[in-house]
Amino acid sequence: MNSIKGIEIAKAAFSDIESFFYHSSNFIIKKELNVTNMREHASYAGVDEHSRIKLSIDLCSNENLSLEDYFFTLLIISHELAHYLNFHNSHKDVETIDSVAIEARADNFGAQIFLTLITFGKSTKKNMHLISSNIDQEILSVEIGKAIGKLFTSLFSNNNSSKYPSPEHRVFLLIAGCLSFFNRFFGGLSEAWTIQFMLRVMNNGTPSMMQAETDVEDKAKQISLRIDEIHKGLQLKNVFMVSGLKPVFGYFLTSNFNLSDQKREQHKVQLEKMVSSFSILQSTENA
């Protein structure tokens, strides 16, 4: 059985993200690999030109033996990429809910980054096929469910920090991020497809991770509103999502919080034409 170290998963992910930008933009992800004395597997540090992603020596040296392992590691990296691409360290908390909203955004948007990488990332896909030569949509959704379950039991449930949403809410955010990607990819999802995906995640993850708190809906609304407010402010201070992102990837990896509903719809219609012929495992050779 082939295995891939975490550092190779990270290098592939960073290389793929950089390839999603036009060469002329000179977009390079700043990172520190094999960092010792880290409490977390990964973190996002620094502000502005000093911002970077830090990966622990444990994550980098870990052997990944299955797609579940690969996806677990890639979801952790994608969470930090979400922070990095959203300039999250440029924000200074003004409310106690701010840090929770930012982490919620990183979970949700990180899931979209994750799926963009395993769908379009040439280096990431090459690594995946080294681990398993038999990959289809059903296998992907099963292994994604297992990876989310592993995140829930090994990381989310053991984190008592008040800056994160509840473990159950984090699972919902990941699932919502996945469904957001699929909705854009397929140009709309049927209720049956959505339910099928969610059931696969639940059945192959950990059942207890879907036992939401009684007030999760009210908390989710508060967090969602704060996410919108925070990112509108970040967009005013930063070139949001860094100029130079190729339009086909911008369709999956950008969210302009300042667009009107009409402009959002126009943007959606325009870019859906670009992806109407994609298949879920098809590479974008001409992108």
Protein backbone atom coordinates (compact mmCIF):
# COMPACT_ATOMS: atom_id res chain seq x y z
CA MET A 1 0.00 0.00 0.00
CA ASN A 2 1.35 3.42 -0.94
CA SER A 3 1.57 6.16 1.64
CA ILE A 4 2.16 9.89 1.39
CA LYS A 5 3.64 12.11 4.06
CA GLY A 6 1.72 15.14 5.18
CA ILE A 7 4.38 17.46 3.82
CA GLU A 8 3.78 16.10 0.30
CA ILE A 9 0.03 16.68 0.67
CA ALA A 10 0.75 20.24 1.76
CA LYS A 11 3.23 20.95 -1.03
CA ALA A 12 0.75 19.62 -3.61
CA ALA A 13 -2.07 21.75 -2.18
CA PHE A 14 0.05 24.92 -2.11
CA SER A 15 1.33 24.30 -5.64
CA ASP A 16 -2.19 23.70 -6.94
CA ILE A 17 -3.59 26.84 -5.31
CA GLU A 18 -0.76 28.88 -6.80
CA SER A 19 -1.51 27.36 -10.24
CA PHE A 20 -5.09 28.66 -9.97
CA PHE A 21 -3.68 32.18 -10.37
CA TYR A 22 -2.29 33.69 -13.55
CA HIS A 23 1.49 33.44 -13.67
CA SER A 24 1.75 37.22 -14.05
CA SER A 25 0.17 37.74 -10.61
CA ASN A 26 3.24 36.16 -8.92
CA PHE A 27 1.00 34.71 -6.23
CA ILE A 28 3.00 32.57 -3.79
CA ILE A 29 1.74 31.12 -0.52
CA LYS A 30 4.11 31.91 2.32
CA LYS A 31 4.58 28.98 4.64
CA GLU A 32 6.70 27.39 7.34
CA LEU A 33 6.95 23.59 7.25
CA ASN A 34 8.11 21.08 9.87
CA VAL A 35 7.68 23.60 12.69
CA THR A 36 8.53 22.24 16.13
CA ASN A 37 6.87 23.06 19.44
CA MET A 38 3.44 23.69 17.90
CA ARG A 39 0.36 22.79 19.93
CA GLU A 40 -1.78 22.61 16.79
CA HIS A 41 -1.29 20.63 13.59
CA ALA A 42 -1.43 23.88 11.62
CA SER A 43 -1.92 27.61 12.14
CA TYR A 44 -2.19 30.94 10.34
CA ALA A 45 0.22 33.56 11.64
CA GLY A 46 1.32 37.11 10.86
CA VAL A 47 -0.40 40.08 9.23
CA ASP A 48 -0.33 41.47 5.69
CA GLU A 49 2.99 40.72 3.94
CA HIS A 50 4.13 38.74 6.99
CA SER A 51 1.14 36.39 6.98
CA ARG A 52 1.96 32.72 6.51
CA ILE A 53 0.73 29.20 7.08
CA LYS A 54 2.61 27.12 9.65
CA LEU A 55 2.51 23.31 9.63
CA SER A 56 3.78 21.23 12.52
CA ILE A 57 6.48 18.60 12.19
CA ASP A 58 3.90 16.02 13.33
CA LEU A 59 1.53 16.83 10.46
CA CYS A 60 4.35 17.03 7.91
CA SER A 61 5.94 13.72 8.90
CA ASN A 62 2.71 11.76 9.36
CA GLU A 63 2.18 8.87 6.92
CA ASN A 64 -1.20 8.96 5.14
CA LEU A 65 -2.24 5.45 4.10
CA SER A 66 -5.77 5.96 2.76
CA LEU A 67 -8.03 8.54 1.13
CA GLU A 68 -9.58 9.10 4.54
CA ASP A 69 -6.15 9.99 5.94
CA TYR A 70 -5.38 12.18 2.91
CA PHE A 71 -8.67 14.05 3.17
CA PHE A 72 -8.27 14.51 6.94
CA THR A 73 -4.88 16.14 6.43
CA LEU A 74 -6.03 18.18 3.43
CA LEU A 75 -9.06 19.53 5.31
CA ILE A 76 -6.75 20.80 8.06
CA ILE A 77 -4.54 22.51 5.49
CA SER A 78 -7.57 23.89 3.62
CA HIS A 79 -8.86 25.48 6.84
CA GLU A 80 -5.60 27.45 7.12
CA LEU A 81 -5.71 28.31 3.41
CA ALA A 82 -9.17 29.77 4.02
CA HIS A 83 -7.72 32.05 6.71
CA TYR A 84 -4.83 32.98 4.43
CA LEU A 85 -6.92 33.77 1.36
CA ASN A 86 -9.42 35.79 3.40
CA PHE A 87 -6.80 37.97 5.16
CA HIS A 88 -8.31 36.98 8.50
CA ASN A 89 -5.43 38.27 10.60
CA SER A 90 -6.12 41.75 9.24
CA HIS A 91 -9.29 41.81 11.32
CA LYS A 92 -9.29 42.97 14.94
CA ASP A 93 -12.12 41.64 17.06
CA VAL A 94 -14.73 44.15 18.14
CA GLU A 95 -17.25 41.62 19.45
CA THR A 96 -16.81 38.37 21.36
CA ILE A 97 -18.43 36.48 18.50
CA ASP A 98 -15.86 37.72 15.95
CA SER A 99 -13.33 34.92 16.42
CA VAL A 100 -16.11 32.33 16.23
CA ALA A 101 -17.38 33.88 13.00
CA ILE A 102 -13.91 33.86 11.47
CA GLU A 103 -13.31 30.22 12.40
CA ALA A 104 -16.75 29.35 11.05
CA ARG A 105 -15.86 31.00 7.75
CA ALA A 106 -12.57 29.06 7.64
CA ASP A 107 -14.42 25.76 8.16
CA ASN A 108 -17.03 26.53 5.50
CA PHE A 109 -14.71 28.09 2.93
CA GLY A 110 -12.01 25.55 3.74
CA ALA A 111 -14.37 22.78 2.62
CA GLN A 112 -14.83 24.60 -0.71
CA ILE A 113 -11.05 24.92 -1.10
CA PHE A 114 -10.68 21.23 -0.25
CA LEU A 115 -13.14 20.14 -2.95
CA THR A 116 -11.65 22.51 -5.50
CA LEU A 117 -8.25 20.92 -4.85
CA ILE A 118 -9.38 17.31 -5.16
CA THR A 119 -11.40 18.16 -8.29
CA PHE A 120 -9.02 20.44 -10.17
CA GLY A 121 -5.64 20.29 -8.43
CA LYS A 122 -3.28 18.34 -10.70
CA SER A 123 -0.70 17.58 -8.00
CA THR A 124 -3.38 16.75 -5.43
CA LYS A 125 -5.17 14.39 -7.82
CA LYS A 126 -1.90 12.70 -8.74
CA ASN A 127 -1.22 12.03 -5.06
CA MET A 128 -4.75 10.73 -4.51
CA HIS A 129 -4.35 8.20 -7.31
CA LEU A 130 -1.09 6.99 -5.78
CA ILE A 131 -3.07 6.10 -2.66
CA SER A 132 -6.07 4.64 -4.50
CA SER A 133 -6.52 3.88 -8.19
CA ASN A 134 -10.26 3.32 -7.71
CA ILE A 135 -11.91 6.72 -7.21
CA ASP A 136 -15.43 7.74 -8.17
CA GLN A 137 -18.08 10.10 -6.82
CA GLU A 138 -19.51 7.57 -4.35
CA ILE A 139 -16.08 6.66 -3.00
CA LEU A 140 -15.22 10.34 -2.65
CA SER A 141 -18.33 11.14 -0.61
CA VAL A 142 -17.79 8.10 1.64
CA GLU A 143 -14.15 9.02 2.32
CA ILE A 144 -15.07 12.67 2.86
CA GLY A 145 -17.57 11.50 5.48
CA LYS A 146 -14.92 9.42 7.22
CA ALA A 147 -12.47 12.33 7.21
CA ILE A 148 -15.06 14.72 8.70
CA GLY A 149 -15.85 12.10 11.34
CA LYS A 150 -12.15 11.85 12.19
CA LEU A 151 -11.93 15.64 12.50
CA PHE A 152 -14.93 15.61 14.83
CA THR A 153 -13.63 12.91 17.15
CA SER A 154 -9.91 13.72 17.17
CA LEU A 155 -9.86 17.53 16.90
CA PHE A 156 -13.22 19.29 17.23
CA SER A 157 -14.47 17.41 20.31
CA ASN A 158 -11.15 17.84 22.12
CA ASN A 159 -10.93 21.59 21.56
CA ASN A 160 -12.34 23.60 24.45
CA SER A 161 -11.39 27.02 23.06
CA SER A 162 -14.22 29.55 23.07
CA LYS A 163 -13.06 31.00 19.73
CA TYR A 164 -14.47 28.07 17.77
CA PRO A 165 -18.07 27.09 16.97
CA SER A 166 -19.32 23.97 18.73
CA PRO A 167 -18.00 20.63 17.34
CA GLU A 168 -21.42 19.80 15.90
CA HIS A 169 -21.76 23.21 14.29
CA ARG A 170 -18.32 22.80 12.70
CA VAL A 171 -19.49 19.58 11.06
CA PHE A 172 -22.52 21.38 9.65
CA LEU A 173 -20.25 24.14 8.33
CA LEU A 174 -18.05 21.61 6.54
CA ILE A 175 -21.05 19.88 5.00
CA ALA A 176 -22.51 23.24 3.94
CA GLY A 177 -19.18 24.16 2.33
CA CYS A 178 -19.14 20.89 0.40
CA LEU A 179 -22.72 21.41 -0.77
CA SER A 180 -21.89 24.98 -1.81
CA PHE A 181 -19.11 23.67 -4.04
CA PHE A 182 -21.33 20.92 -5.49
CA ASN A 183 -24.15 23.39 -6.13
CA ARG A 184 -21.80 25.59 -8.17
CA PHE A 185 -20.17 22.62 -9.87
CA PHE A 186 -23.38 20.93 -10.98
CA GLY A 187 -25.32 24.16 -11.50
CA GLY A 188 -27.87 23.26 -8.82
CA LEU A 189 -28.53 20.24 -6.62
CA SER A 190 -31.64 18.13 -6.38
CA GLU A 191 -33.06 17.47 -2.92
CA ALA A 192 -32.41 13.75 -3.40
CA TRP A 193 -28.72 14.30 -4.23
CA THR A 194 -28.27 16.61 -1.24
CA ILE A 195 -29.87 14.12 1.14
CA GLN A 196 -27.82 11.26 -0.31
CA PHE A 197 -24.57 13.15 0.25
CA MET A 198 -25.49 14.11 3.81
CA LEU A 199 -26.48 10.52 4.63
CA ARG A 200 -23.16 9.24 3.31
CA VAL A 201 -21.31 11.72 5.48
CA MET A 202 -23.35 10.79 8.55
CA ASN A 203 -23.18 7.05 7.94
CA ASN A 204 -19.44 7.07 7.36
CA GLY A 205 -18.54 9.64 9.96
CA THR A 206 -19.62 9.55 13.59
CA PRO A 207 -23.38 9.64 14.28
CA SER A 208 -22.95 11.77 17.41
CA MET A 209 -21.40 14.56 15.35
CA MET A 210 -24.83 15.33 13.89
CA GLN A 211 -26.54 15.84 17.26
CA ALA A 212 -26.93 19.59 17.09
CA GLU A 213 -27.39 21.82 20.11
CA THR A 214 -30.93 23.03 20.65
CA ASP A 215 -29.98 26.64 19.98
CA VAL A 216 -27.70 25.91 17.01
CA GLU A 217 -30.02 27.69 14.56
CA ASP A 218 -29.97 30.96 16.51
CA LYS A 219 -26.19 30.76 16.94
CA ALA A 220 -25.73 30.00 13.24
CA LYS A 221 -27.75 33.10 12.28
CA GLN A 222 -25.69 35.32 14.59
CA ILE A 223 -22.43 33.90 13.24
CA SER A 224 -23.58 34.21 9.63
CA LEU A 225 -24.46 37.88 10.06
CA ARG A 226 -21.11 38.60 11.70
CA ILE A 227 -19.23 36.73 8.95
CA ASP A 228 -20.86 39.04 6.40
CA GLU A 229 -20.05 42.19 8.38
CA ILE A 230 -16.42 41.20 9.02
CA HIS A 231 -15.67 40.27 5.42
CA LYS A 232 -17.24 43.42 4.02
CA GLY A 233 -14.75 45.29 6.18
CA LEU A 234 -11.85 43.10 5.08
CA GLN A 235 -12.72 43.71 1.43
CA LEU A 236 -12.47 47.45 1.93
CA LYS A 237 -8.92 47.09 3.30
CA ASN A 238 -7.58 44.33 1.04
CA VAL A 239 -7.59 43.22 -2.57
CA PHE A 240 -9.97 40.46 -1.65
CA MET A 241 -8.82 36.97 -2.64
CA VAL A 242 -5.78 38.50 -4.36
CA SER A 243 -6.06 39.73 -7.93
CA GLY A 244 -4.93 37.29 -10.61
CA LEU A 245 -7.14 34.31 -9.79
CA LYS A 246 -8.24 32.61 -13.01
CA PRO A 247 -12.00 33.10 -13.55
CA VAL A 248 -12.86 29.40 -13.64
CA PHE A 249 -11.36 28.95 -10.16
CA GLY A 250 -12.71 32.27 -8.98
CA TYR A 251 -16.15 30.77 -9.52
CA PHE A 252 -15.43 28.28 -6.75
CA LEU A 253 -13.01 30.19 -4.53
CA THR A 254 -14.27 33.75 -4.25
CA SER A 255 -17.16 35.29 -2.36
CA ASN A 256 -17.64 39.00 -2.87
CA PHE A 257 -19.54 40.15 0.20
CA ASN A 258 -20.15 43.58 -1.30
CA LEU A 259 -22.03 42.43 -4.41
CA SER A 260 -25.72 43.17 -4.72
CA ASP A 261 -28.10 40.24 -5.21
CA GLN A 262 -28.51 41.24 -8.86
CA LYS A 263 -24.75 41.30 -9.49
CA ARG A 264 -24.31 37.99 -7.68
CA GLU A 265 -26.88 36.41 -10.02
CA GLN A 266 -25.23 37.94 -13.10
CA HIS A 267 -21.85 36.63 -11.93
CA LYS A 268 -23.35 33.18 -11.31
CA VAL A 269 -24.97 32.96 -14.76
CA GLN A 270 -21.82 34.13 -16.52
CA LEU A 271 -19.50 31.67 -14.83
CA GLU A 272 -21.87 28.70 -14.91
CA LYS A 273 -21.42 28.72 -18.68
CA MET A 274 -17.71 28.13 -18.12
CA VAL A 275 -18.22 24.97 -16.05
CA SER A 276 -21.28 23.46 -17.71
CA SER A 277 -19.24 20.67 -19.31
CA PHE A 278 -17.12 19.68 -16.31
CA SER A 279 -17.19 16.25 -14.69
CA ILE A 280 -16.32 15.85 -11.02
CA LEU A 281 -12.91 14.23 -11.64
CA GLN A 282 -12.06 16.07 -14.86
CA SER A 283 -8.95 18.22 -14.88
CA THR A 284 -8.95 21.69 -16.40
CA GLU A 285 -6.07 21.49 -18.81
CA ASN A 286 -6.88 24.80 -20.48
CA ALA A 287 -7.73 26.80 -17.38
